[in-house]
């Protein structure tokens, strides 16, 4: 399945809506967008309403992005997390790292 990304900037806040799956094949697409768009964002919100599968490649990108933002005192939020991805975050302990809002459909 492919990944479609829609970014929206409001001032120093960047929101990215993910539609599809983040897997080994699509993770580079997300990484490239984040590297391009995150230059001066103070708040990054990733909306997972239409993305419920994130592979280990995707988790690595999310964690690297989180560390980059934290180093410059910026914030990252994950919203509309479905039950499958929520469980992965819980099992890995990343639910305690990321600011998330769960959306059990």
Protein backbone atom coordinates (compact mmCIF):
# COMPACT_ATOMS: atom_id res chain seq x y z
CA UNK A 1 0.00 0.00 0.00
CA UNK A 2 1.29 3.46 -0.79
CA UNK A 3 1.55 6.39 1.60
CA UNK A 4 0.02 9.78 0.94
CA UNK A 5 1.18 12.71 3.04
CA UNK A 6 -0.56 16.03 3.40
CA UNK A 7 1.23 18.80 5.26
CA UNK A 8 -0.27 22.01 6.58
CA UNK A 9 1.64 24.81 8.24
CA UNK A 10 0.12 27.40 10.55
CA UNK A 11 2.76 29.75 11.90
CA UNK A 12 5.35 27.64 13.71
CA UNK A 13 3.11 24.54 13.77
CA UNK A 14 3.28 21.79 11.17
CA UNK A 15 0.60 19.10 10.83
CA UNK A 16 1.11 16.06 8.63
CA UNK A 17 -1.81 13.76 7.83
CA UNK A 18 -0.73 10.24 6.95
CA UNK A 19 -2.88 8.13 4.66
CA UNK A 20 -1.73 4.55 4.07
CA UNK A 21 1.00 2.49 5.69
CA UNK A 22 4.45 3.40 6.90
CA UNK A 23 6.59 0.42 5.95
CA UNK A 24 10.07 -0.20 4.58
CA UNK A 25 8.99 0.99 1.14
CA UNK A 26 7.17 4.15 2.22
CA UNK A 27 9.25 5.24 5.25
CA UNK A 28 11.80 7.13 3.10
CA UNK A 29 8.96 9.26 1.72
CA UNK A 30 8.00 10.32 5.27
CA UNK A 31 11.64 10.92 6.20
CA UNK A 32 12.17 13.16 3.17
CA UNK A 33 9.06 15.23 3.92
CA UNK A 34 10.06 15.65 7.56
CA UNK A 35 13.59 16.72 6.62
CA UNK A 36 12.19 19.28 4.19
CA UNK A 37 9.33 20.67 6.27
CA UNK A 38 10.72 20.65 9.83
CA UNK A 39 13.29 23.37 9.41
CA UNK A 40 11.70 25.86 11.83
CA UNK A 41 8.59 24.14 13.18
CA UNK A 42 8.19 24.35 16.95
CA UNK A 43 5.27 21.90 17.05
CA UNK A 44 4.88 18.87 14.81
CA UNK A 45 1.57 17.02 14.83
CA UNK A 46 1.33 13.71 13.02
CA UNK A 47 -2.27 12.65 12.34
CA UNK A 48 -2.65 8.87 12.07
CA UNK A 49 -6.42 8.79 11.47
CA UNK A 50 -5.95 7.03 8.12
CA UNK A 51 -2.73 5.18 8.96
CA UNK A 52 -2.87 2.22 11.29
CA UNK A 53 0.28 0.31 10.29
CA UNK A 54 3.76 1.49 11.16
CA UNK A 55 6.71 -0.86 10.70
CA UNK A 56 9.99 -0.72 12.59
CA UNK A 57 11.35 1.50 9.80
CA UNK A 58 8.57 3.98 10.53
CA UNK A 59 9.17 3.79 14.27
CA UNK A 60 12.86 4.61 13.71
CA UNK A 61 11.90 7.73 11.74
CA UNK A 62 9.41 8.82 14.39
CA UNK A 63 11.95 8.35 17.16
CA UNK A 64 14.71 10.16 15.25
CA UNK A 65 12.32 13.04 14.53
CA UNK A 66 11.30 13.19 18.18
CA UNK A 67 14.95 13.36 19.29
CA UNK A 68 15.72 16.10 16.75
CA UNK A 69 12.77 18.18 17.91
CA UNK A 70 13.47 17.62 21.60
CA UNK A 71 17.08 18.77 21.13
CA UNK A 72 15.81 22.12 19.89
CA UNK A 73 13.03 22.28 22.50
CA UNK A 74 10.27 21.70 19.97
CA UNK A 75 7.31 19.38 20.45
CA UNK A 76 5.94 16.35 18.59
CA UNK A 77 2.41 14.99 18.97
CA UNK A 78 0.84 11.86 17.53
CA UNK A 79 -2.95 12.10 17.22
CA UNK A 80 -5.81 9.84 16.13
CA UNK A 81 -3.86 6.69 16.96
CA UNK A 82 -5.84 3.55 16.15
CA UNK A 83 -5.87 0.45 18.36
CA UNK A 84 -3.23 -1.52 16.39
CA UNK A 85 -0.65 1.25 16.37
CA UNK A 86 -1.53 2.12 19.97
CA UNK A 87 -0.70 -1.44 20.98
CA UNK A 88 2.67 -1.28 19.19
CA UNK A 89 3.50 1.98 20.98
CA UNK A 90 2.47 0.42 24.29
CA UNK A 91 4.51 -2.76 23.77
CA UNK A 92 7.63 -0.83 22.75
CA UNK A 93 7.24 1.71 25.57
CA UNK A 94 7.10 4.55 23.06
CA UNK A 95 3.67 5.58 24.32
CA UNK A 96 5.49 7.07 27.31
CA UNK A 97 7.87 8.98 25.00
CA UNK A 98 5.50 10.48 22.43
CA UNK A 99 2.62 12.80 23.21
CA UNK A 100 -0.25 10.74 21.78
CA UNK A 101 -4.01 10.90 21.57
CA UNK A 102 -5.63 7.54 21.00
CA UNK A 103 -8.66 7.14 18.74
CA UNK A 104 -10.17 3.68 19.21
CA UNK A 105 -12.53 3.44 16.26
